[in-house]
């Protein structure tokens, strides 16, 4: 009897060894079921730049059929680092801050929240996002999670690309700086975020994280000195929920860059 049991057990082992393994199915890409929102304005002659910055220029090198029988198109472009949807690298306002290519990628992608201050900001182009705005958000949604990317909605993106409505003036040059009017983040709120919350980056739907009438750009200095990059001229912010989404914000990898055009998207949880 023991011999028979031994033989049967051996056969079972052999059968198990020779049974073809079921091929593991590849995991489905979560992005295929996610809603993706483009938060980037197209770069063109309509793109809004700071009043002293070089605007976007596209030079057509060639576009048409060639004598070889194929179609060919190529352009040159030139522009300032800071304009349109773009990133402010920490070195922009911090001597020891990271340049564009030095920013860790994990600061440019991850879980995000949106703080909507449009009710107040649309009635006041000089509105400053306050500590209270963040406290009110947390009273409803809970503490801002560590490592969050914070997106500020002022509502001003509805005016883009109308320069007068969006930034207060369509004039250019140093004299136009005094005519800039658009909301931004108060220095007090910037300091509160640095001291009390651990955020990876911050973005806003206006030309600057500091408001238009800022002279000393204190919010820039406070945030960038802590290597917290800023995204400016962020588009389609009104389409974002208050939380439950991720941001992917990838700039052109410019060596020693103080800023760069940015392709930024939001991936909404389903």
C-alpha atoms as a PDB file:
ATOM      1  CA  UNK A   1       0.000   0.000   0.000  1.00  0.00           C
ATOM      2  CA  UNK A   2       2.800   2.393   0.902  1.00  0.00           C
ATOM      3  CA  UNK A   3       4.431   1.635  -2.450  1.00  0.00           C
ATOM      4  CA  UNK A   4       1.213   2.483  -4.345  1.00  0.00           C
ATOM      5  CA  UNK A   5       0.802   5.759  -2.449  1.00  0.00           C
ATOM      6  CA  UNK A   6       4.408   6.646  -3.225  1.00  0.00           C
ATOM      7  CA  UNK A   7       3.909   5.985  -6.949  1.00  0.00           C
ATOM      8  CA  UNK A   8       0.678   8.046  -7.063  1.00  0.00           C
ATOM      9  CA  UNK A   9       2.338  10.944  -5.235  1.00  0.00           C
ATOM     10  CA  UNK A  10       5.237  10.859  -7.666  1.00  0.00           C
ATOM     11  CA  UNK A  11       2.876  10.914 -10.644  1.00  0.00           C
ATOM     12  CA  UNK A  12       1.053  13.920  -9.198  1.00  0.00           C
ATOM     13  CA  UNK A  13       4.345  15.782  -8.870  1.00  0.00           C
ATOM     14  CA  UNK A  14       5.244  14.972 -12.481  1.00  0.00           C
ATOM     15  CA  UNK A  15       1.833  16.075 -13.722  1.00  0.00           C
ATOM     16  CA  UNK A  16       2.165  19.344 -11.788  1.00  0.00           C
ATOM     17  CA  UNK A  17       5.590  19.996 -13.232  1.00  0.00           C
ATOM     18  CA  UNK A  18       4.391  19.436 -16.801  1.00  0.00           C
ATOM     19  CA  UNK A  19       1.150  21.413 -16.553  1.00  0.00           C
ATOM     20  CA  UNK A  20       1.543  24.506 -18.723  1.00  0.00           C
ATOM     21  CA  UNK A  21       1.499  27.698 -16.675  1.00  0.00           C
ATOM     22  CA  UNK A  22      -1.300  30.130 -17.336  1.00  0.00           C
ATOM     23  CA  UNK A  23       0.232  33.261 -18.830  1.00  0.00           C
ATOM     24  CA  UNK A  24      -0.228  36.196 -16.493  1.00  0.00           C
ATOM     25  CA  UNK A  25      -2.315  38.894 -18.113  1.00  0.00           C
ATOM     26  CA  UNK A  26      -0.662  42.324 -18.232  1.00  0.00           C
ATOM     27  CA  UNK A  27      -2.170  44.789 -15.831  1.00  0.00           C
ATOM     28  CA  UNK A  28      -4.414  47.342 -17.481  1.00  0.00           C
ATOM     29  CA  UNK A  29      -2.977  50.829 -17.667  1.00  0.00           C
ATOM     30  CA  UNK A  30      -4.986  52.947 -15.236  1.00  0.00           C
ATOM     31  CA  UNK A  31      -4.636  55.959 -17.545  1.00  0.00           C
ATOM     32  CA  UNK A  32      -6.861  54.224 -20.075  1.00  0.00           C
ATOM     33  CA  UNK A  33      -9.793  54.651 -17.705  1.00  0.00           C
ATOM     34  CA  UNK A  34      -8.855  58.075 -16.370  1.00  0.00           C
ATOM     35  CA  UNK A  35     -10.059  61.475 -17.438  1.00  0.00           C
ATOM     36  CA  UNK A  36      -7.137  63.648 -18.498  1.00  0.00           C
ATOM     37  CA  UNK A  37      -7.377  67.440 -18.501  1.00  0.00           C
ATOM     38  CA  UNK A  38      -4.854  69.528 -20.404  1.00  0.00           C
ATOM     39  CA  UNK A  39      -3.814  72.449 -18.194  1.00  0.00           C
ATOM     40  CA  UNK A  40      -1.546  74.010 -20.825  1.00  0.00           C
ATOM     41  CA  UNK A  41      -2.183  76.969 -23.101  1.00  0.00           C
ATOM     42  CA  UNK A  42      -1.044  76.597 -26.700  1.00  0.00           C
ATOM     43  CA  UNK A  43       2.120  78.544 -27.547  1.00  0.00           C
ATOM     44  CA  UNK A  44       1.462  81.005 -30.358  1.00  0.00           C
ATOM     45  CA  UNK A  45       1.506  84.714 -31.143  1.00  0.00           C
ATOM     46  CA  UNK A  46      -1.450  85.031 -28.718  1.00  0.00           C
ATOM     47  CA  UNK A  47       0.485  83.596 -25.769  1.00  0.00           C
ATOM     48  CA  UNK A  48       0.659  85.983 -22.813  1.00  0.00           C
ATOM     49  CA  UNK A  49       4.125  86.902 -21.544  1.00  0.00           C
ATOM     50  CA  UNK A  50       5.364  89.214 -18.841  1.00  0.00           C
ATOM     51  CA  UNK A  51       5.328  92.781 -20.157  1.00  0.00           C
ATOM     52  CA  UNK A  52       9.145  92.909 -20.322  1.00  0.00           C
ATOM     53  CA  UNK A  53       9.720  89.379 -21.674  1.00  0.00           C
ATOM     54  CA  UNK A  54      10.349  88.261 -25.231  1.00  0.00           C
ATOM     55  CA  UNK A  55       7.157  86.937 -26.748  1.00  0.00           C
ATOM     56  CA  UNK A  56       6.762  83.704 -28.683  1.00  0.00           C
ATOM     57  CA  UNK A  57       8.042  83.765 -32.252  1.00  0.00           C
ATOM     58  CA  UNK A  58       7.592  80.971 -34.786  1.00  0.00           C
ATOM     59  CA  UNK A  59       9.679  81.063 -37.941  1.00  0.00           C
ATOM     60  CA  UNK A  60       8.651  78.703 -40.721  1.00  0.00           C
ATOM     61  CA  UNK A  61      11.793  77.130 -42.159  1.00  0.00           C
ATOM     62  CA  UNK A  62       9.975  75.131 -44.798  1.00  0.00           C
ATOM     63  CA  UNK A  63       6.466  73.819 -45.415  1.00  0.00           C
ATOM     64  CA  UNK A  64       5.469  72.109 -48.631  1.00  0.00           C
ATOM     65  CA  UNK A  65       6.232  69.447 -51.183  1.00  0.00           C
ATOM     66  CA  UNK A  66       9.853  68.831 -52.030  1.00  0.00           C
ATOM     67  CA  UNK A  67      11.444  67.998 -55.375  1.00  0.00           C
ATOM     68  CA  UNK A  68      12.098  64.521 -53.932  1.00  0.00           C
ATOM     69  CA  UNK A  69       8.403  63.741 -53.885  1.00  0.00           C
ATOM     70  CA  UNK A  70       7.619  63.985 -50.160  1.00  0.00           C
ATOM     71  CA  UNK A  71       6.041  66.650 -47.949  1.00  0.00           C
ATOM     72  CA  UNK A  72       8.305  68.354 -45.387  1.00  0.00           C
ATOM     73  CA  UNK A  73       7.702  70.910 -42.610  1.00  0.00           C
ATOM     74  CA  UNK A  74      10.026  72.433 -40.011  1.00  0.00           C
ATOM     75  CA  UNK A  75      10.048  75.561 -37.831  1.00  0.00           C
ATOM     76  CA  UNK A  76      12.342  77.532 -35.590  1.00  0.00           C
ATOM     77  CA  UNK A  77      10.952  79.100 -32.434  1.00  0.00           C
ATOM     78  CA  UNK A  78      12.255  81.648 -29.950  1.00  0.00           C
ATOM     79  CA  UNK A  79      10.791  82.754 -26.650  1.00  0.00           C
ATOM     80  CA  UNK A  80      11.494  83.791 -23.080  1.00  0.00           C
ATOM     81  CA  UNK A  81      11.652  81.111 -20.375  1.00  0.00           C
ATOM     82  CA  UNK A  82       8.829  82.773 -18.473  1.00  0.00           C
ATOM     83  CA  UNK A  83       5.619  83.087 -20.447  1.00  0.00           C
ATOM     84  CA  UNK A  84       2.524  81.145 -21.330  1.00  0.00           C
ATOM     85  CA  UNK A  85       2.078  78.024 -19.225  1.00  0.00           C
ATOM     86  CA  UNK A  86       5.494  77.690 -17.648  1.00  0.00           C
ATOM     87  CA  UNK A  87       7.475  76.725 -14.572  1.00  0.00           C
ATOM     88  CA  UNK A  88       9.472  78.976 -12.276  1.00  0.00           C
ATOM     89  CA  UNK A  89      12.525  77.021 -11.188  1.00  0.00           C
ATOM     90  CA  UNK A  90      13.745  77.811  -7.648  1.00  0.00           C
ATOM     91  CA  UNK A  91      16.830  79.634  -8.936  1.00  0.00           C
ATOM     92  CA  UNK A  92      14.503  82.231 -10.455  1.00  0.00           C
ATOM     93  CA  UNK A  93      14.344  83.930  -7.039  1.00  0.00           C
ATOM     94  CA  UNK A  94      16.884  81.985  -4.971  1.00  0.00           C
ATOM     95  CA  UNK A  95      20.650  82.152  -5.460  1.00  0.00           C
ATOM     96  CA  UNK A  96      21.073  78.584  -4.215  1.00  0.00           C
ATOM     97  CA  UNK A  97      17.863  77.238  -5.750  1.00  0.00           C
ATOM     98  CA  UNK A  98      17.579  74.407  -8.227  1.00  0.00           C
ATOM     99  CA  UNK A  99      17.719  75.084 -11.949  1.00  0.00           C
ATOM    100  CA  UNK A 100      15.104  73.539 -14.233  1.00  0.00           C
ATOM    101  CA  UNK A 101      17.038  70.351 -14.934  1.00  0.00           C
ATOM    102  CA  UNK A 102      17.836  69.890 -11.240  1.00  0.00           C
ATOM    103  CA  UNK A 103      14.223  69.793 -10.018  1.00  0.00           C
ATOM    104  CA  UNK A 104      13.447  66.226  -8.866  1.00  0.00           C
ATOM    105  CA  UNK A 105      10.722  64.679 -10.986  1.00  0.00           C
ATOM    106  CA  UNK A 106       8.801  63.603  -7.896  1.00  0.00           C
ATOM    107  CA  UNK A 107       8.147  67.303  -7.197  1.00  0.00           C
ATOM    108  CA  UNK A 108       6.558  67.695 -10.615  1.00  0.00           C
ATOM    109  CA  UNK A 109       4.070  64.844 -10.464  1.00  0.00           C
ATOM    110  CA  UNK A 110       1.805  63.399  -7.824  1.00  0.00           C
ATOM    111  CA  UNK A 111      -1.380  63.911  -5.850  1.00  0.00           C
ATOM    112  CA  UNK A 112      -2.848  67.392  -6.034  1.00  0.00           C
ATOM    113  CA  UNK A 113      -5.535  69.599  -4.552  1.00  0.00           C
ATOM    114  CA  UNK A 114      -7.319  72.708  -5.801  1.00  0.00           C
ATOM    115  CA  UNK A 115      -8.152  75.743  -3.692  1.00  0.00           C
ATOM    116  CA  UNK A 116     -10.889  77.800  -5.359  1.00  0.00           C
ATOM    117  CA  UNK A 117     -10.862  81.490  -4.414  1.00  0.00           C
ATOM    118  CA  UNK A 118     -12.631  82.684  -7.570  1.00  0.00           C
ATOM    119  CA  UNK A 119     -15.678  84.014  -5.710  1.00  0.00           C
ATOM    120  CA  UNK A 120     -13.492  86.657  -4.075  1.00  0.00           C
ATOM    121  CA  UNK A 121     -10.826  87.053  -6.757  1.00  0.00           C
ATOM    122  CA  UNK A 122     -13.153  87.774  -9.678  1.00  0.00           C
ATOM    123  CA  UNK A 123     -14.461  90.792  -7.773  1.00  0.00           C
ATOM    124  CA  UNK A 124     -10.983  92.011  -6.888  1.00  0.00           C
ATOM    125  CA  UNK A 125      -8.127  91.803  -9.434  1.00  0.00           C
ATOM    126  CA  UNK A 126      -5.667  92.554  -6.617  1.00  0.00           C
ATOM    127  CA  UNK A 127      -6.933  89.689  -4.456  1.00  0.00           C
ATOM    128  CA  UNK A 128      -4.373  87.875  -2.321  1.00  0.00           C
ATOM    129  CA  UNK A 129      -4.951  84.212  -1.487  1.00  0.00           C
ATOM    130  CA  UNK A 130      -4.844  84.130   2.315  1.00  0.00           C
ATOM    131  CA  UNK A 131      -4.100  81.732   5.131  1.00  0.00           C
ATOM    132  CA  UNK A 132      -7.854  81.707   5.783  1.00  0.00           C
ATOM    133  CA  UNK A 133      -8.474  80.405   2.282  1.00  0.00           C
ATOM    134  CA  UNK A 134      -6.327  77.367   3.081  1.00  0.00           C
ATOM    135  CA  UNK A 135      -7.875  76.943   6.509  1.00  0.00           C
ATOM    136  CA  UNK A 136     -11.367  77.087   4.983  1.00  0.00           C
ATOM    137  CA  UNK A 137     -10.356  74.428   2.443  1.00  0.00           C
ATOM    138  CA  UNK A 138      -9.028  72.186   5.198  1.00  0.00           C
ATOM    139  CA  UNK A 139     -12.163  72.658   7.293  1.00  0.00           C
ATOM    140  CA  UNK A 140     -14.120  71.025   4.455  1.00  0.00           C
ATOM    141  CA  UNK A 141     -11.603  68.612   2.947  1.00  0.00           C
ATOM    142  CA  UNK A 142      -9.128  67.784   5.718  1.00  0.00           C
ATOM    143  CA  UNK A 143      -5.475  68.683   6.113  1.00  0.00           C
ATOM    144  CA  UNK A 144      -3.498  69.243   2.916  1.00  0.00           C
ATOM    145  CA  UNK A 145      -1.704  65.892   2.456  1.00  0.00           C
ATOM    146  CA  UNK A 146       2.092  65.775   2.573  1.00  0.00           C
ATOM    147  CA  UNK A 147       3.702  65.945  -0.850  1.00  0.00           C
ATOM    148  CA  UNK A 148       0.705  67.620  -2.479  1.00  0.00           C
ATOM    149  CA  UNK A 149       0.837  69.856  -5.513  1.00  0.00           C
ATOM    150  CA  UNK A 150      -1.430  72.828  -4.766  1.00  0.00           C
ATOM    151  CA  UNK A 151      -3.364  74.467  -7.597  1.00  0.00           C
ATOM    152  CA  UNK A 152      -4.957  77.878  -6.991  1.00  0.00           C
ATOM    153  CA  UNK A 153      -8.064  78.856  -8.943  1.00  0.00           C
ATOM    154  CA  UNK A 154      -8.735  82.580  -9.142  1.00  0.00           C
ATOM    155  CA  UNK A 155     -11.073  82.319 -12.123  1.00  0.00           C
ATOM    156  CA  UNK A 156      -8.902  84.590 -14.254  1.00  0.00           C
ATOM    157  CA  UNK A 157      -8.227  81.884 -16.825  1.00  0.00           C
ATOM    158  CA  UNK A 158     -11.633  82.727 -18.329  1.00  0.00           C
ATOM    159  CA  UNK A 159     -10.062  85.965 -19.608  1.00  0.00           C
ATOM    160  CA  UNK A 160      -7.079  84.379 -21.373  1.00  0.00           C
ATOM    161  CA  UNK A 161      -5.745  85.522 -23.884  1.00  0.00           C
ATOM    162  CA  UNK A 162      -7.294  88.989 -23.436  1.00  0.00           C
ATOM    163  CA  UNK A 163      -4.312  90.812 -21.925  1.00  0.00           C
ATOM    164  CA  UNK A 164      -6.286  93.730 -20.508  1.00  0.00           C
ATOM    165  CA  UNK A 165      -8.760  91.516 -18.645  1.00  0.00           C
ATOM    166  CA  UNK A 166      -6.231  88.822 -17.743  1.00  0.00           C
ATOM    167  CA  UNK A 167      -3.322  90.924 -16.530  1.00  0.00           C
ATOM    168  CA  UNK A 168      -4.553  94.511 -16.473  1.00  0.00           C
ATOM    169  CA  UNK A 169      -2.764  95.916 -19.507  1.00  0.00           C
ATOM    170  CA  UNK A 170      -1.834  95.177 -23.089  1.00  0.00           C
ATOM    171  CA  UNK A 171       1.078  97.614 -22.986  1.00  0.00           C
ATOM    172  CA  UNK A 172       4.665  96.391 -22.991  1.00  0.00           C
ATOM    173  CA  UNK A 173       7.891  97.559 -21.390  1.00  0.00           C
ATOM    174  CA  UNK A 174       9.008  98.627 -17.913  1.00  0.00           C
ATOM    175  CA  UNK A 175       6.382 101.379 -17.721  1.00  0.00           C
ATOM    176  CA  UNK A 176       3.625  98.747 -18.100  1.00  0.00           C
ATOM    177  CA  UNK A 177       4.618  96.914 -14.900  1.00  0.00           C
ATOM    178  CA  UNK A 178       2.730  99.454 -12.763  1.00  0.00           C
ATOM    179  CA  UNK A 179      -0.461  98.704 -14.681  1.00  0.00           C
ATOM    180  CA  UNK A 180      -0.500  94.972 -13.889  1.00  0.00           C
ATOM    181  CA  UNK A 181      -3.539  93.785 -11.936  1.00  0.00           C
ATOM    182  CA  UNK A 182      -4.300  90.122 -11.235  1.00  0.00           C
ATOM    183  CA  UNK A 183      -4.635  87.963  -8.092  1.00  0.00           C
ATOM    184  CA  UNK A 184      -1.798  86.090  -6.442  1.00  0.00           C
ATOM    185  CA  UNK A 185      -0.692  84.312  -3.283  1.00  0.00           C
ATOM    186  CA  UNK A 186      -0.096  86.477  -0.222  1.00  0.00           C
ATOM    187  CA  UNK A 187       3.396  86.261   1.336  1.00  0.00           C
ATOM    188  CA  UNK A 188       1.770  85.360   4.650  1.00  0.00           C
ATOM    189  CA  UNK A 189       0.011  82.385   3.066  1.00  0.00           C
ATOM    190  CA  UNK A 190       3.191  81.348   1.264  1.00  0.00           C
ATOM    191  CA  UNK A 191       5.057  81.403   4.581  1.00  0.00           C
ATOM    192  CA  UNK A 192       2.240  79.450   6.239  1.00  0.00           C
ATOM    193  CA  UNK A 193       2.535  76.723   3.601  1.00  0.00           C
ATOM    194  CA  UNK A 194       6.308  76.538   4.051  1.00  0.00           C
ATOM    195  CA  UNK A 195       6.125  76.451   7.841  1.00  0.00           C
ATOM    196  CA  UNK A 196       3.093  74.227   8.337  1.00  0.00           C
ATOM    197  CA  UNK A 197       2.566  72.039   5.280  1.00  0.00           C
ATOM    198  CA  UNK A 198       4.830  69.874   3.135  1.00  0.00           C
ATOM    199  CA  UNK A 199       3.921  70.704  -0.463  1.00  0.00           C
ATOM    200  CA  UNK A 200       5.925  69.717  -3.532  1.00  0.00           C
ATOM    201  CA  UNK A 201       4.855  72.489  -5.910  1.00  0.00           C
ATOM    202  CA  UNK A 202       2.215  75.159  -6.421  1.00  0.00           C
ATOM    203  CA  UNK A 203       0.378  76.469  -9.467  1.00  0.00           C
ATOM    204  CA  UNK A 204      -1.960  79.330 -10.308  1.00  0.00           C
ATOM    205  CA  UNK A 205      -4.191  80.435 -13.204  1.00  0.00           C
ATOM    206  CA  UNK A 206      -2.649  83.929 -13.430  1.00  0.00           C
ATOM    207  CA  UNK A 207       0.646  85.256 -14.863  1.00  0.00           C
ATOM    208  CA  UNK A 208       2.475  85.053 -11.516  1.00  0.00           C
ATOM    209  CA  UNK A 209       2.317  83.448  -8.077  1.00  0.00           C
ATOM    210  CA  UNK A 210       2.725  87.022  -6.738  1.00  0.00           C
ATOM    211  CA  UNK A 211      -0.115  89.394  -7.526  1.00  0.00           C
ATOM    212  CA  UNK A 212       0.187  91.991 -10.275  1.00  0.00           C
ATOM    213  CA  UNK A 213       1.025  94.945  -8.032  1.00  0.00           C
ATOM    214  CA  UNK A 214       3.807  93.129  -6.181  1.00  0.00           C
ATOM    215  CA  UNK A 215       7.098  95.034  -5.992  1.00  0.00           C
ATOM    216  CA  UNK A 216       9.262  92.595  -4.036  1.00  0.00           C
ATOM    217  CA  UNK A 217       7.851  89.210  -5.169  1.00  0.00           C
ATOM    218  CA  UNK A 218       7.908  87.935  -1.617  1.00  0.00           C
ATOM    219  CA  UNK A 219       5.820  84.843  -2.312  1.00  0.00           C
ATOM    220  CA  UNK A 220       8.275  83.815  -5.022  1.00  0.00           C
ATOM    221  CA  UNK A 221      11.196  84.314  -2.647  1.00  0.00           C
ATOM    222  CA  UNK A 222       9.558  82.365   0.196  1.00  0.00           C
ATOM    223  CA  UNK A 223       8.557  79.369  -1.926  1.00  0.00           C
ATOM    224  CA  UNK A 224      11.495  79.140  -4.295  1.00  0.00           C
ATOM    225  CA  UNK A 225      13.990  79.517  -1.462  1.00  0.00           C
ATOM    226  CA  UNK A 226      12.618  76.188  -0.226  1.00  0.00           C
ATOM    227  CA  UNK A 227      12.921  74.612  -3.687  1.00  0.00           C
ATOM    228  CA  UNK A 228       9.151  74.661  -4.199  1.00  0.00           C
ATOM    229  CA  UNK A 229       8.657  75.323  -7.932  1.00  0.00           C
ATOM    230  CA  UNK A 230       5.725  77.386  -9.194  1.00  0.00           C
ATOM    231  CA  UNK A 231       3.531  76.799 -12.246  1.00  0.00           C
ATOM    232  CA  UNK A 232       2.064  79.949 -13.789  1.00  0.00           C
ATOM    233  CA  UNK A 233      -0.619  80.607 -16.411  1.00  0.00           C
ATOM    234  CA  UNK A 234      -2.198  77.227 -15.708  1.00  0.00           C
ATOM    235  CA  UNK A 235      -5.193  76.587 -17.984  1.00  0.00           C
ATOM    236  CA  UNK A 236      -8.577  74.900 -17.460  1.00  0.00           C
ATOM    237  CA  UNK A 237      -8.318  74.944 -13.671  1.00  0.00           C
ATOM    238  CA  UNK A 238     -12.109  75.289 -13.354  1.00  0.00           C
ATOM    239  CA  UNK A 239     -12.443  71.721 -14.662  1.00  0.00           C
ATOM    240  CA  UNK A 240     -10.543  70.283 -11.700  1.00  0.00           C
ATOM    241  CA  UNK A 241     -12.187  68.887  -8.570  1.00  0.00           C
ATOM    242  CA  UNK A 242     -11.023  70.059  -5.158  1.00  0.00           C
ATOM    243  CA  UNK A 243      -9.065  66.818  -4.662  1.00  0.00           C
ATOM    244  CA  UNK A 244      -8.745  63.297  -6.012  1.00  0.00           C
ATOM    245  CA  UNK A 245      -6.500  63.984  -8.977  1.00  0.00           C
ATOM    246  CA  UNK A 246      -2.845  63.857  -9.942  1.00  0.00           C
ATOM    247  CA  UNK A 247      -0.672  66.416 -11.693  1.00  0.00           C
ATOM    248  CA  UNK A 248       2.053  65.682 -14.225  1.00  0.00           C
ATOM    249  CA  UNK A 249       4.030  68.849 -15.017  1.00  0.00           C
ATOM    250  CA  UNK A 250       7.050  68.339 -17.261  1.00  0.00           C
ATOM    251  CA  UNK A 251       9.151  71.322 -18.397  1.00  0.00           C
ATOM    252  CA  UNK A 252      11.630  71.469 -21.221  1.00  0.00           C
ATOM    253  CA  UNK A 253      14.887  70.238 -19.654  1.00  0.00           C
ATOM    254  CA  UNK A 254      16.963  73.418 -20.020  1.00  0.00           C
ATOM    255  CA  UNK A 255      20.424  73.321 -18.467  1.00  0.00           C
ATOM    256  CA  UNK A 256      20.801  76.204 -16.005  1.00  0.00           C
ATOM    257  CA  UNK A 257      17.239  77.234 -16.829  1.00  0.00           C
ATOM    258  CA  UNK A 258      15.426  79.625 -14.498  1.00  0.00           C
ATOM    259  CA  UNK A 259      12.136  78.640 -16.063  1.00  0.00           C
ATOM    260  CA  UNK A 260      10.725  76.762 -19.018  1.00  0.00           C
ATOM    261  CA  UNK A 261       7.610  76.208 -21.107  1.00  0.00           C
ATOM    262  CA  UNK A 262       5.555  73.572 -19.311  1.00  0.00           C
ATOM    263  CA  UNK A 263       3.273  70.783 -20.473  1.00  0.00           C
ATOM    264  CA  UNK A 264       1.031  70.145 -17.516  1.00  0.00           C
ATOM    265  CA  UNK A 265      -1.902  67.755 -17.276  1.00  0.00           C
ATOM    266  CA  UNK A 266      -4.264  66.526 -14.590  1.00  0.00           C
ATOM    267  CA  UNK A 267      -5.282  62.880 -14.266  1.00  0.00           C
ATOM    268  CA  UNK A 268      -8.623  62.505 -12.491  1.00  0.00           C
ATOM    269  CA  UNK A 269      -9.345  59.476 -10.345  1.00  0.00           C
ATOM    270  CA  UNK A 270     -12.275  57.420 -11.627  1.00  0.00           C
END
